[in-house]
Full PDB file with SEQRES, HELIX, SHEET, SSBOND, CRYST1, ORIGX, SCALE, CONECT and MASTER records, all heavy atoms in Angstrom:
SEQRES   1 A   41  ALA GLU ALA TYR GLN ALA PHE GLU GLU ARG LYS HIS GLN          
SEQRES   2 A   41  VAL ARG ARG THR GLY GLU GLU ILE SER THR ARG LEU LEU          
SEQRES   3 A   41  VAL PRO MET PHE MET MET PHE GLY VAL VAL LEU ILE ILE          
SEQRES   4 A   41  ILE LEU                                                      
HELIX    1 AA1 GLU A    2  ARG A   24  1                                  23    
HELIX    2 AA2 LEU A   26  ILE A   40  1                                  15    
CRYST1    1.000    1.000    1.000  90.00  90.00  90.00 P 1           1          
ORIGX1      1.000000  0.000000  0.000000        0.00000                         
ORIGX2      0.000000  1.000000  0.000000        0.00000                         
ORIGX3      0.000000  0.000000  1.000000        0.00000                         
SCALE1      1.000000  0.000000  0.000000        0.00000                         
SCALE2      0.000000  1.000000  0.000000        0.00000                         
SCALE3      0.000000  0.000000  1.000000        0.00000                         
ATOM      1  N   ALA A   1     -41.072  48.679  33.318  1.00  0.00           N  
ATOM      2  CA  ALA A   1     -40.979  47.213  33.369  1.00  0.00           C  
ATOM      3  C   ALA A   1     -42.246  46.615  33.968  1.00  0.00           C  
ATOM      4  O   ALA A   1     -42.770  45.607  33.482  1.00  0.00           O  
ATOM      5  CB  ALA A   1     -39.755  46.800  34.182  1.00  0.00           C  
ATOM      6  N   GLU A   2     -42.762  47.231  35.000  1.00  0.00           N  
ATOM      7  CA  GLU A   2     -43.998  46.756  35.630  1.00  0.00           C  
ATOM      8  C   GLU A   2     -45.181  46.918  34.682  1.00  0.00           C  
ATOM      9  O   GLU A   2     -46.062  46.061  34.628  1.00  0.00           O  
ATOM     10  CB  GLU A   2     -44.246  47.508  36.939  1.00  0.00           C  
ATOM     11  CG  GLU A   2     -45.396  47.004  37.741  1.00  0.00           C  
ATOM     12  CD  GLU A   2     -45.199  45.599  38.295  1.00  0.00           C  
ATOM     13  OE1 GLU A   2     -44.060  45.155  38.454  1.00  0.00           O  
ATOM     14  OE2 GLU A   2     -46.222  44.941  38.557  1.00  0.00           O  
ATOM     15  N   ALA A   3     -45.203  48.013  33.912  1.00  0.00           N  
ATOM     16  CA  ALA A   3     -46.286  48.226  32.947  1.00  0.00           C  
ATOM     17  C   ALA A   3     -46.258  47.153  31.866  1.00  0.00           C  
ATOM     18  O   ALA A   3     -47.308  46.632  31.477  1.00  0.00           O  
ATOM     19  CB  ALA A   3     -46.169  49.612  32.321  1.00  0.00           C  
ATOM     20  N   TYR A   4     -45.061  46.812  31.400  1.00  0.00           N  
ATOM     21  CA  TYR A   4     -44.946  45.763  30.386  1.00  0.00           C  
ATOM     22  C   TYR A   4     -45.439  44.430  30.945  1.00  0.00           C  
ATOM     23  O   TYR A   4     -46.207  43.719  30.301  1.00  0.00           O  
ATOM     24  CB  TYR A   4     -43.498  45.644  29.908  1.00  0.00           C  
ATOM     25  CG  TYR A   4     -43.290  44.528  28.913  1.00  0.00           C  
ATOM     26  CD1 TYR A   4     -43.690  44.678  27.597  1.00  0.00           C  
ATOM     27  CD2 TYR A   4     -42.732  43.320  29.317  1.00  0.00           C  
ATOM     28  CE1 TYR A   4     -43.532  43.651  26.683  1.00  0.00           C  
ATOM     29  CE2 TYR A   4     -42.568  42.286  28.412  1.00  0.00           C  
ATOM     30  CZ  TYR A   4     -42.960  42.455  27.098  1.00  0.00           C  
ATOM     31  OH  TYR A   4     -42.807  41.427  26.209  1.00  0.00           O  
ATOM     32  N   GLN A   5     -45.006  44.111  32.153  1.00  0.00           N  
ATOM     33  CA  GLN A   5     -45.419  42.859  32.783  1.00  0.00           C  
ATOM     34  C   GLN A   5     -46.935  42.845  33.029  1.00  0.00           C  
ATOM     35  O   GLN A   5     -47.600  41.824  32.812  1.00  0.00           O  
ATOM     36  CB  GLN A   5     -44.664  42.671  34.100  1.00  0.00           C  
ATOM     37  CG  GLN A   5     -44.915  41.344  34.757  1.00  0.00           C  
ATOM     38  CD  GLN A   5     -44.089  41.197  36.038  1.00  0.00           C  
ATOM     39  OE1 GLN A   5     -43.388  42.111  36.464  1.00  0.00           O  
ATOM     40  NE2 GLN A   5     -44.187  40.043  36.647  1.00  0.00           N  
ATOM     41  N   ALA A   6     -47.492  43.970  33.439  1.00  0.00           N  
ATOM     42  CA  ALA A   6     -48.936  44.055  33.682  1.00  0.00           C  
ATOM     43  C   ALA A   6     -49.711  43.893  32.381  1.00  0.00           C  
ATOM     44  O   ALA A   6     -50.763  43.247  32.352  1.00  0.00           O  
ATOM     45  CB  ALA A   6     -49.287  45.391  34.331  1.00  0.00           C  
ATOM     46  N   PHE A   7     -49.186  44.473  31.294  1.00  0.00           N  
ATOM     47  CA  PHE A   7     -49.855  44.335  30.003  1.00  0.00           C  
ATOM     48  C   PHE A   7     -49.845  42.884  29.549  1.00  0.00           C  
ATOM     49  O   PHE A   7     -50.850  42.376  29.044  1.00  0.00           O  
ATOM     50  CB  PHE A   7     -49.175  45.234  28.966  1.00  0.00           C  
ATOM     51  CG  PHE A   7     -49.813  45.169  27.615  1.00  0.00           C  
ATOM     52  CD1 PHE A   7     -51.056  45.735  27.401  1.00  0.00           C  
ATOM     53  CD2 PHE A   7     -49.181  44.533  26.569  1.00  0.00           C  
ATOM     54  CE1 PHE A   7     -51.661  45.672  26.153  1.00  0.00           C  
ATOM     55  CE2 PHE A   7     -49.775  44.464  25.323  1.00  0.00           C  
ATOM     56  CZ  PHE A   7     -51.011  45.030  25.105  1.00  0.00           C  
ATOM     57  N   GLU A   8     -48.725  42.195  29.735  1.00  0.00           N  
ATOM     58  CA  GLU A   8     -48.639  40.781  29.367  1.00  0.00           C  
ATOM     59  C   GLU A   8     -49.607  39.941  30.200  1.00  0.00           C  
ATOM     60  O   GLU A   8     -50.280  39.062  29.677  1.00  0.00           O  
ATOM     61  CB  GLU A   8     -47.206  40.261  29.546  1.00  0.00           C  
ATOM     62  CG  GLU A   8     -46.227  40.808  28.544  1.00  0.00           C  
ATOM     63  CD  GLU A   8     -46.561  40.426  27.109  1.00  0.00           C  
ATOM     64  OE1 GLU A   8     -46.935  39.266  26.871  1.00  0.00           O  
ATOM     65  OE2 GLU A   8     -46.469  41.312  26.242  1.00  0.00           O  
ATOM     66  N   GLU A   9     -49.693  40.237  31.481  1.00  0.00           N  
ATOM     67  CA  GLU A   9     -50.625  39.512  32.350  1.00  0.00           C  
ATOM     68  C   GLU A   9     -52.069  39.782  31.935  1.00  0.00           C  
ATOM     69  O   GLU A   9     -52.901  38.886  31.948  1.00  0.00           O  
ATOM     70  CB  GLU A   9     -50.411  39.911  33.811  1.00  0.00           C  
ATOM     71  CG  GLU A   9     -51.328  39.218  34.786  1.00  0.00           C  
ATOM     72  CD  GLU A   9     -51.231  37.697  34.759  1.00  0.00           C  
ATOM     73  OE1 GLU A   9     -50.128  37.162  34.545  1.00  0.00           O  
ATOM     74  OE2 GLU A   9     -52.276  37.043  34.957  1.00  0.00           O  
ATOM     75  N   ARG A  10     -52.340  41.005  31.535  1.00  0.00           N  
ATOM     76  CA  ARG A  10     -53.689  41.352  31.072  1.00  0.00           C  
ATOM     77  C   ARG A  10     -54.033  40.569  29.810  1.00  0.00           C  
ATOM     78  O   ARG A  10     -55.150  40.075  29.665  1.00  0.00           O  
ATOM     79  CB  ARG A  10     -53.750  42.854  30.812  1.00  0.00           C  
ATOM     80  CG  ARG A  10     -55.034  43.363  30.203  1.00  0.00           C  
ATOM     81  CD  ARG A  10     -56.041  43.708  31.277  1.00  0.00           C  
ATOM     82  NE  ARG A  10     -57.308  44.078  30.722  1.00  0.00           N  
ATOM     83  CZ  ARG A  10     -57.744  45.308  30.587  1.00  0.00           C  
ATOM     84  NH1 ARG A  10     -56.976  46.311  30.967  1.00  0.00           N  
ATOM     85  NH2 ARG A  10     -58.918  45.552  30.095  1.00  0.00           N  
ATOM     86  N   LYS A  11     -53.077  40.438  28.889  1.00  0.00           N  
ATOM     87  CA  LYS A  11     -53.314  39.651  27.671  1.00  0.00           C  
ATOM     88  C   LYS A  11     -53.609  38.200  28.021  1.00  0.00           C  
ATOM     89  O   LYS A  11     -54.524  37.594  27.467  1.00  0.00           O  
ATOM     90  CB  LYS A  11     -52.094  39.709  26.736  1.00  0.00           C  
ATOM     91  CG  LYS A  11     -51.975  40.993  25.979  1.00  0.00           C  
ATOM     92  CD  LYS A  11     -50.970  40.973  24.836  1.00  0.00           C  
ATOM     93  CE  LYS A  11     -49.732  40.216  25.048  1.00  0.00           C  
ATOM     94  NZ  LYS A  11     -48.721  40.386  23.993  1.00  0.00           N  
ATOM     95  N   HIS A  12     -52.850  37.638  28.960  1.00  0.00           N  
ATOM     96  CA  HIS A  12     -53.085  36.251  29.371  1.00  0.00           C  
ATOM     97  C   HIS A  12     -54.461  36.107  30.021  1.00  0.00           C  
ATOM     98  O   HIS A  12     -55.151  35.111  29.799  1.00  0.00           O  
ATOM     99  CB  HIS A  12     -51.991  35.771  30.317  1.00  0.00           C  
ATOM    100  CG  HIS A  12     -50.661  35.611  29.679  1.00  0.00           C  
ATOM    101  ND1 HIS A  12     -50.397  34.667  28.704  1.00  0.00           N  
ATOM    102  CD2 HIS A  12     -49.500  36.278  29.857  1.00  0.00           C  
ATOM    103  CE1 HIS A  12     -49.147  34.751  28.323  1.00  0.00           C  
ATOM    104  NE2 HIS A  12     -48.573  35.738  28.998  1.00  0.00           N  
ATOM    105  N   GLN A  13     -54.847  37.091  30.823  1.00  0.00           N  
ATOM    106  CA  GLN A  13     -56.149  37.035  31.488  1.00  0.00           C  
ATOM    107  C   GLN A  13     -57.281  37.094  30.470  1.00  0.00           C  
ATOM    108  O   GLN A  13     -58.258  36.360  30.577  1.00  0.00           O  
ATOM    109  CB  GLN A  13     -56.288  38.181  32.504  1.00  0.00           C  
ATOM    110  CG  GLN A  13     -57.604  38.174  33.249  1.00  0.00           C  
ATOM    111  CD  GLN A  13     -57.820  36.909  34.056  1.00  0.00           C  
ATOM    112  OE1 GLN A  13     -56.888  36.330  34.587  1.00  0.00           O  
ATOM    113  NE2 GLN A  13     -59.062  36.467  34.142  1.00  0.00           N  
ATOM    114  N   VAL A  14     -57.143  37.941  29.472  1.00  0.00           N  
ATOM    115  CA  VAL A  14     -58.172  38.037  28.433  1.00  0.00           C  
ATOM    116  C   VAL A  14     -58.256  36.721  27.665  1.00  0.00           C  
ATOM    117  O   VAL A  14     -59.346  36.240  27.357  1.00  0.00           O  
ATOM    118  CB  VAL A  14     -57.876  39.226  27.487  1.00  0.00           C  
ATOM    119  CG1 VAL A  14     -58.734  39.176  26.245  1.00  0.00           C  
ATOM    120  CG2 VAL A  14     -58.087  40.542  28.222  1.00  0.00           C  
ATOM    121  N   ARG A  15     -57.113  36.119  27.383  1.00  0.00           N  
ATOM    122  CA  ARG A  15     -57.094  34.838  26.674  1.00  0.00           C  
ATOM    123  C   ARG A  15     -57.794  33.764  27.510  1.00  0.00           C  
ATOM    124  O   ARG A  15     -58.589  32.980  26.992  1.00  0.00           O  
ATOM    125  CB  ARG A  15     -55.650  34.434  26.371  1.00  0.00           C  
ATOM    126  CG  ARG A  15     -55.533  33.244  25.445  1.00  0.00           C  
ATOM    127  CD  ARG A  15     -54.099  33.012  24.997  1.00  0.00           C  
ATOM    128  NE  ARG A  15     -53.678  34.104  24.131  1.00  0.00           N  
ATOM    129  CZ  ARG A  15     -52.530  34.775  24.267  1.00  0.00           C  
ATOM    130  NH1 ARG A  15     -51.695  34.455  25.214  1.00  0.00           N  
ATOM    131  NH2 ARG A  15     -52.221  35.747  23.442  1.00  0.00           N  
ATOM    132  N   ARG A  16     -57.503  33.721  28.817  1.00  0.00           N  
ATOM    133  CA  ARG A  16     -58.148  32.733  29.695  1.00  0.00           C  
ATOM    134  C   ARG A  16     -59.654  32.948  29.758  1.00  0.00           C  
ATOM    135  O   ARG A  16     -60.433  31.993  29.737  1.00  0.00           O  
ATOM    136  CB  ARG A  16     -57.569  32.810  31.106  1.00  0.00           C  
ATOM    137  CG  ARG A  16     -56.293  32.015  31.280  1.00  0.00           C  
ATOM    138  CD  ARG A  16     -55.851  32.118  32.695  1.00  0.00           C  
ATOM    139  NE  ARG A  16     -55.389  33.496  32.861  1.00  0.00           N  
ATOM    140  CZ  ARG A  16     -54.444  33.897  33.685  1.00  0.00           C  
ATOM    141  NH1 ARG A  16     -53.880  33.058  34.492  1.00  0.00           N  
ATOM    142  NH2 ARG A  16     -54.061  35.146  33.738  1.00  0.00           N  
ATOM    143  N   THR A  17     -60.069  34.202  29.825  1.00  0.00           N  
ATOM    144  CA  THR A  17     -61.499  34.507  29.869  1.00  0.00           C  
ATOM    145  C   THR A  17     -62.175  34.061  28.580  1.00  0.00           C  
ATOM    146  O   THR A  17     -63.276  33.494  28.614  1.00  0.00           O  
ATOM    147  CB  THR A  17     -61.715  36.019  30.090  1.00  0.00           C  
ATOM    148  OG1 THR A  17     -61.050  36.407  31.288  1.00  0.00           O  
ATOM    149  CG2 THR A  17     -63.194  36.347  30.196  1.00  0.00           C  
ATOM    150  N   GLY A  18     -61.519  34.290  27.453  1.00  0.00           N  
ATOM    151  CA  GLY A  18     -62.064  33.842  26.177  1.00  0.00           C  
ATOM    152  C   GLY A  18     -62.197  32.335  26.119  1.00  0.00           C  
ATOM    153  O   GLY A  18     -63.189  31.804  25.592  1.00  0.00           O  
ATOM    154  N   GLU A  19     -61.215  31.624  26.651  1.00  0.00           N  
ATOM    155  CA  GLU A  19     -61.284  30.163  26.676  1.00  0.00           C  
ATOM    156  C   GLU A  19     -62.424  29.683  27.571  1.00  0.00           C  
ATOM    157  O   GLU A  19     -63.116  28.723  27.239  1.00  0.00           O  
ATOM    158  CB  GLU A  19     -59.948  29.581  27.145  1.00  0.00           C  
ATOM    159  CG  GLU A  19     -58.836  29.765  26.138  1.00  0.00           C  
ATOM    160  CD  GLU A  19     -57.472  29.403  26.697  1.00  0.00           C  
ATOM    161  OE1 GLU A  19     -57.365  29.056  27.889  1.00  0.00           O  
ATOM    162  OE2 GLU A  19     -56.501  29.484  25.923  1.00  0.00           O  
ATOM    163  N   GLU A  20     -62.619  30.353  28.706  1.00  0.00           N  
ATOM    164  CA  GLU A  20     -63.718  29.984  29.599  1.00  0.00           C  
ATOM    165  C   GLU A  20     -65.064  30.194  28.916  1.00  0.00           C  
ATOM    166  O   GLU A  20     -65.964  29.362  29.028  1.00  0.00           O  
ATOM    167  CB  GLU A  20     -63.661  30.808  30.885  1.00  0.00           C  
ATOM    168  CG  GLU A  20     -62.534  30.441  31.813  1.00  0.00           C  
ATOM    169  CD  GLU A  20     -62.444  31.367  33.013  1.00  0.00           C  
ATOM    170  OE1 GLU A  20     -63.370  32.184  33.222  1.00  0.00           O  
ATOM    171  OE2 GLU A  20     -61.437  31.291  33.732  1.00  0.00           O  
ATOM    172  N   ILE A  21     -65.188  31.300  28.202  1.00  0.00           N  
ATOM    173  CA  ILE A  21     -66.447  31.595  27.519  1.00  0.00           C  
ATOM    174  C   ILE A  21     -66.703  30.571  26.423  1.00  0.00           C  
ATOM    175  O   ILE A  21     -67.827  30.077  26.275  1.00  0.00           O  
ATOM    176  CB  ILE A  21     -66.440  33.031  26.963  1.00  0.00           C  
ATOM    177  CG1 ILE A  21     -66.526  34.025  28.119  1.00  0.00           C  
ATOM    178  CG2 ILE A  21     -67.591  33.251  25.987  1.00  0.00           C  
ATOM    179  CD1 ILE A  21     -66.336  35.461  27.725  1.00  0.00           C  
ATOM    180  N   SER A  22     -65.662  30.223  25.664  1.00  0.00           N  
ATOM    181  CA  SER A  22     -65.864  29.242  24.602  1.00  0.00           C  
ATOM    182  C   SER A  22     -66.238  27.879  25.182  1.00  0.00           C  
ATOM    183  O   SER A  22     -67.040  27.147  24.603  1.00  0.00           O  
ATOM    184  CB  SER A  22     -64.626  29.126  23.716  1.00  0.00           C  
ATOM    185  OG  SER A  22     -63.541  28.600  24.445  1.00  0.00           O  
ATOM    186  N   THR A  23     -65.700  27.542  26.353  1.00  0.00           N  
ATOM    187  CA  THR A  23     -66.057  26.287  27.007  1.00  0.00           C  
ATOM    188  C   THR A  23     -67.517  26.316  27.458  1.00  0.00           C  
ATOM    189  O   THR A  23     -68.235  25.330  27.325  1.00  0.00           O  
ATOM    190  CB  THR A  23     -65.133  26.027  28.206  1.00  0.00           C  
ATOM    191  OG1 THR A  23     -63.785  26.034  27.754  1.00  0.00           O  
ATOM    192  CG2 THR A  23     -65.448  24.719  28.883  1.00  0.00           C  
ATOM    193  N   ARG A  24     -67.954  27.445  27.978  1.00  0.00           N  
ATOM    194  CA  ARG A  24     -69.351  27.570  28.412  1.00  0.00           C  
ATOM    195  C   ARG A  24     -70.314  27.469  27.234  1.00  0.00           C  
ATOM    196  O   ARG A  24     -71.456  27.044  27.400  1.00  0.00           O  
ATOM    197  CB  ARG A  24     -69.571  28.901  29.114  1.00  0.00           C  
ATOM    198  CG  ARG A  24     -68.978  28.964  30.487  1.00  0.00           C  
ATOM    199  CD  ARG A  24     -69.328  30.266  31.154  1.00  0.00           C  
ATOM    200  NE  ARG A  24     -68.372  30.560  32.191  1.00  0.00           N  
ATOM    201  CZ  ARG A  24     -68.114  31.762  32.649  1.00  0.00           C  
ATOM    202  NH1 ARG A  24     -68.741  32.796  32.140  1.00  0.00           N  
ATOM    203  NH2 ARG A  24     -67.239  31.948  33.601  1.00  0.00           N  
ATOM    204  N   LEU A  25     -69.864  27.884  26.071  1.00  0.00           N  
ATOM    205  CA  LEU A  25     -70.743  27.850  24.902  1.00  0.00           C  
ATOM    206  C   LEU A  25     -70.867  26.454  24.299  1.00  0.00           C  
ATOM    207  O   LEU A  25     -71.716  26.233  23.430  1.00  0.00           O  
ATOM    208  CB  LEU A  25     -70.235  28.829  23.843  1.00  0.00           C  
ATOM    209  CG  LEU A  25     -70.385  30.306  24.202  1.00  0.00           C  
ATOM    210  CD1 LEU A  25     -69.752  31.168  23.122  1.00  0.00           C  
ATOM    211  CD2 LEU A  25     -71.843  30.669  24.382  1.00  0.00           C  
ATOM    212  N   LEU A  26     -70.053  25.511  24.747  1.00  0.00           N  
ATOM    213  CA  LEU A  26     -70.135  24.158  24.204  1.00  0.00           C  
ATOM    214  C   LEU A  26     -71.464  23.479  24.539  1.00  0.00           C  
ATOM    215  O   LEU A  26     -72.032  22.787  23.705  1.00  0.00           O  
ATOM    216  CB  LEU A  26     -68.977  23.305  24.720  1.00  0.00           C  
ATOM    217  CG  LEU A  26     -67.628  23.547  24.062  1.00  0.00           C  
ATOM    218  CD1 LEU A  26     -66.560  22.710  24.753  1.00  0.00           C  
ATOM    219  CD2 LEU A  26     -67.675  23.242  22.586  1.00  0.00           C  
ATOM    220  N   VAL A  27     -71.959  23.661  25.743  1.00  0.00           N  
ATOM    221  CA  VAL A  27     -73.205  23.016  26.149  1.00  0.00           C  
ATOM    222  C   VAL A  27     -74.377  23.474  25.279  1.00  0.00           C  
ATOM    223  O   VAL A  27     -75.093  22.631  24.720  1.00  0.00           O  
ATOM    224  CB  VAL A  27     -73.483  23.247  27.657  1.00  0.00           C  
ATOM    225  CG1 VAL A  27     -74.865  22.743  28.041  1.00  0.00           C  
ATOM    226  CG2 VAL A  27     -72.408  22.582  28.495  1.00  0.00           C  
ATOM    227  N   PRO A  28     -74.594  24.780  25.097  1.00  0.00           N  
ATOM    228  CA  PRO A  28     -75.692  25.178  24.203  1.00  0.00           C  
ATOM    229  C   PRO A  28     -75.480  24.700  22.764  1.00  0.00           C  
ATOM    230  O   PRO A  28     -76.443  24.356  22.074  1.00  0.00           O  
ATOM    231  CB  PRO A  28     -75.697  26.709  24.264  1.00  0.00           C  
ATOM    232  CG  PRO A  28     -74.966  27.059  25.493  1.00  0.00           C  
ATOM    233  CD  PRO A  28     -74.019  25.939  25.763  1.00  0.00           C  
ATOM    234  N   MET A  29     -74.230  24.666  22.323  1.00  0.00           N  
ATOM    235  CA  MET A  29     -73.965  24.209  20.965  1.00  0.00           C  
ATOM    236  C   MET A  29     -74.352  22.743  20.806  1.00  0.00           C  
ATOM    237  O   MET A  29     -74.973  22.360  19.808  1.00  0.00           O  
ATOM    238  CB  MET A  29     -72.480  24.394  20.622  1.00  0.00           C  
ATOM    239  CG  MET A  29     -72.141  24.084  19.178  1.00  0.00           C  
ATOM    240  SD  MET A  29     -70.449  24.486  18.765  1.00  0.00           S  
ATOM    241  CE  MET A  29     -69.570  23.233  19.671  1.00  0.00           C  
ATOM    242  N   PHE A  30     -74.012  21.895  21.771  1.00  0.00           N  
ATOM    243  CA  PHE A  30     -74.395  20.488  21.695  1.00  0.00           C  
ATOM    244  C   PHE A  30     -75.914  20.319  21.806  1.00  0.00           C  
ATOM    245  O   PHE A  30     -76.492  19.428  21.191  1.00  0.00           O  
ATOM    246  CB  PHE A  30     -73.675  19.658  22.762  1.00  0.00           C  
ATOM    247  CG  PHE A  30     -72.273  19.295  22.374  1.00  0.00           C  
ATOM    248  CD1 PHE A  30     -71.196  19.736  23.128  1.00  0.00           C  
ATOM    249  CD2 PHE A  30     -72.020  18.530  21.240  1.00  0.00           C  
ATOM    250  CE1 PHE A  30     -69.902  19.413  22.769  1.00  0.00           C  
ATOM    251  CE2 PHE A  30     -70.735  18.196  20.878  1.00  0.00           C  
ATOM    252  CZ  PHE A  30     -69.664  18.643  21.636  1.00  0.00           C  
ATOM    253  N   MET A  31     -76.564  21.161  22.588  1.00  0.00           N  
ATOM    254  CA  MET A  31     -78.021  21.099  22.678  1.00  0.00           C  
ATOM    255  C   MET A  31     -78.646  21.437  21.332  1.00  0.00           C  
ATOM    256  O   MET A  31     -79.582  20.767  20.881  1.00  0.00           O  
ATOM    257  CB  MET A  31     -78.520  22.048  23.770  1.00  0.00           C  
ATOM    258  CG  MET A  31     -78.184  21.572  25.176  1.00  0.00           C  
ATOM    259  SD  MET A  31     -78.552  22.769  26.473  1.00  0.00           S  
ATOM    260  CE  MET A  31     -80.286  23.022  26.261  1.00  0.00           C  
ATOM    261  N   MET A  32     -78.123  22.463  20.669  1.00  0.00           N  
ATOM    262  CA  MET A  32     -78.637  22.819  19.347  1.00  0.00           C  
ATOM    263  C   MET A  32     -78.366  21.692  18.346  1.00  0.00           C  
ATOM    264  O   MET A  32     -79.207  21.399  17.495  1.00  0.00           O  
ATOM    265  CB  MET A  32     -78.012  24.129  18.862  1.00  0.00           C  
ATOM    266  CG  MET A  32     -78.508  25.320  19.633  1.00  0.00           C  
ATOM    267  SD  MET A  32     -77.982  26.960  19.083  1.00  0.00           S  
ATOM    268  CE  MET A  32     -76.482  26.736  18.246  1.00  0.00           C  
ATOM    269  N   PHE A  33     -77.206  21.045  18.462  1.00  0.00           N  
ATOM    270  CA  PHE A  33     -76.884  19.921  17.589  1.00  0.00           C  
ATOM    271  C   PHE A  33     -77.895  18.789  17.791  1.00  0.00           C  
ATOM    272  O   PHE A  33     -78.354  18.169  16.835  1.00  0.00           O  
ATOM    273  CB  PHE A  33     -75.461  19.436  17.868  1.00  0.00           C  
ATOM    274  CG  PHE A  33     -75.043  18.265  17.032  1.00  0.00           C  
ATOM    275  CD1 PHE A  33     -74.874  18.390  15.666  1.00  0.00           C  
ATOM    276  CD2 PHE A  33     -74.818  17.022  17.620  1.00  0.00           C  
ATOM    277  CE1 PHE A  33     -74.487  17.315  14.889  1.00  0.00           C  
ATOM    278  CE2 PHE A  33     -74.430  15.940  16.865  1.00  0.00           C  
ATOM    279  CZ  PHE A  33     -74.265  16.078  15.486  1.00  0.00           C  
ATOM    280  N   GLY A  34     -78.245  18.535  19.043  1.00  0.00           N  
ATOM    281  CA  GLY A  34     -79.247  17.505  19.347  1.00  0.00           C  
ATOM    282  C   GLY A  34     -80.604  17.851  18.742  1.00  0.00           C  
ATOM    283  O   GLY A  34     -81.293  16.982  18.197  1.00  0.00           O  
ATOM    284  N   VAL A  35     -80.998  19.120  18.823  1.00  0.00           N  
ATOM    285  CA  VAL A  35     -82.270  19.552  18.245  1.00  0.00           C  
ATOM    286  C   VAL A  35     -82.247  19.357  16.725  1.00  0.00           C  
ATOM    287  O   VAL A  35     -83.221  18.870  16.130  1.00  0.00           O  
ATOM    288  CB  VAL A  35     -82.575  21.018  18.616  1.00  0.00           C  
ATOM    289  CG1 VAL A  35     -83.746  21.569  17.809  1.00  0.00           C  
ATOM    290  CG2 VAL A  35     -82.844  21.137  20.106  1.00  0.00           C  
ATOM    291  N   VAL A  36     -81.124  19.709  16.089  1.00  0.00           N  
ATOM    292  CA  VAL A  36     -81.007  19.530  14.640  1.00  0.00           C  
ATOM    293  C   VAL A  36     -81.103  18.052  14.279  1.00  0.00           C  
ATOM    294  O   VAL A  36     -81.778  17.675  13.308  1.00  0.00           O  
ATOM    295  CB  VAL A  36     -79.701  20.161  14.117  1.00  0.00           C  
ATOM    296  CG1 VAL A  36     -79.417  19.758  12.675  1.00  0.00           C  
ATOM    297  CG2 VAL A  36     -79.752  21.671  14.247  1.00  0.00           C  
ATOM    298  N   LEU A  37     -80.454  17.194  15.051  1.00  0.00           N  
ATOM    299  CA  LEU A  37     -80.541  15.756  14.795  1.00  0.00           C  
ATOM    300  C   LEU A  37     -81.972  15.258  14.926  1.00  0.00           C  
ATOM    301  O   LEU A  37     -82.434  14.443  14.116  1.00  0.00           O  
ATOM    302  CB  LEU A  37     -79.628  14.980  15.745  1.00  0.00           C  
ATOM    303  CG  LEU A  37     -78.143  14.952  15.402  1.00  0.00           C  
ATOM    304  CD1 LEU A  37     -77.376  14.193  16.470  1.00  0.00           C  
ATOM    305  CD2 LEU A  37     -77.913  14.329  14.043  1.00  0.00           C  
ATOM    306  N   ILE A  38     -82.681  15.727  15.935  1.00  0.00           N  
ATOM    307  CA  ILE A  38     -84.073  15.324  16.111  1.00  0.00           C  
ATOM    308  C   ILE A  38     -84.914  15.788  14.935  1.00  0.00           C  
ATOM    309  O   ILE A  38     -85.744  15.042  14.406  1.00  0.00           O  
ATOM    310  CB  ILE A  38     -84.629  15.854  17.452  1.00  0.00           C  
ATOM    311  CG1 ILE A  38     -83.953  15.117  18.613  1.00  0.00           C  
ATOM    312  CG2 ILE A  38     -86.143  15.712  17.521  1.00  0.00           C  
ATOM    313  CD1 ILE A  38     -84.255  15.699  19.973  1.00  0.00           C  
ATOM    314  N   ILE A  39     -84.681  17.025  14.492  1.00  0.00           N  
ATOM    315  CA  ILE A  39     -85.442  17.555  13.360  1.00  0.00           C  
ATOM    316  C   ILE A  39     -85.197  16.728  12.104  1.00  0.00           C  
ATOM    317  O   ILE A  39     -86.101  16.502  11.306  1.00  0.00           O  
ATOM    318  CB  ILE A  39     -85.087  19.046  13.124  1.00  0.00           C  
ATOM    319  CG1 ILE A  39     -85.644  19.897  14.260  1.00  0.00           C  
ATOM    320  CG2 ILE A  39     -85.609  19.533  11.780  1.00  0.00           C  
ATOM    321  CD1 ILE A  39     -85.185  21.342  14.237  1.00  0.00           C  
ATOM    322  N   ILE A  40     -83.986  16.225  11.933  1.00  0.00           N  
ATOM    323  CA  ILE A  40     -83.658  15.433  10.745  1.00  0.00           C  
ATOM    324  C   ILE A  40     -84.110  13.981  10.902  1.00  0.00           C  
ATOM    325  O   ILE A  40     -84.687  13.391   9.981  1.00  0.00           O  
ATOM    326  CB  ILE A  40     -82.144  15.500  10.456  1.00  0.00           C  
ATOM    327  CG1 ILE A  40     -81.765  16.917  10.045  1.00  0.00           C  
ATOM    328  CG2 ILE A  40     -81.741  14.509   9.380  1.00  0.00           C  
ATOM    329  CD1 ILE A  40     -80.290  17.158   9.943  1.00  0.00           C  
ATOM    330  N   LEU A  41     -83.886  13.391  12.058  1.00  0.00           N  
ATOM    331  CA  LEU A  41     -84.149  11.970  12.250  1.00  0.00           C  
ATOM    332  C   LEU A  41     -85.625  11.624  12.421  1.00  0.00           C  
ATOM    333  O   LEU A  41     -86.068  10.567  11.969  1.00  0.00           O  
ATOM    334  CB  LEU A  41     -83.353  11.436  13.432  1.00  0.00           C  
ATOM    335  CG  LEU A  41     -81.837  11.358  13.238  1.00  0.00           C  
ATOM    336  CD1 LEU A  41     -81.177  10.868  14.509  1.00  0.00           C  
ATOM    337  CD2 LEU A  41     -81.496  10.449  12.076  1.00  0.00           C  
TER     338      LEU A  41                                                      
MASTER        0    0    0    2    0    0    0    6  337    1    0    4          
END                                                                             
């Protein structure tokens, strides 16, 4: 029972880490978008 609960918690932790990483990647993505706009405009 503890192993099952630990595995579920591990899945949630991995999901949270993935969300944090995707949030961190937003800033570089918007910077690249700005560069593309400058190149076009």
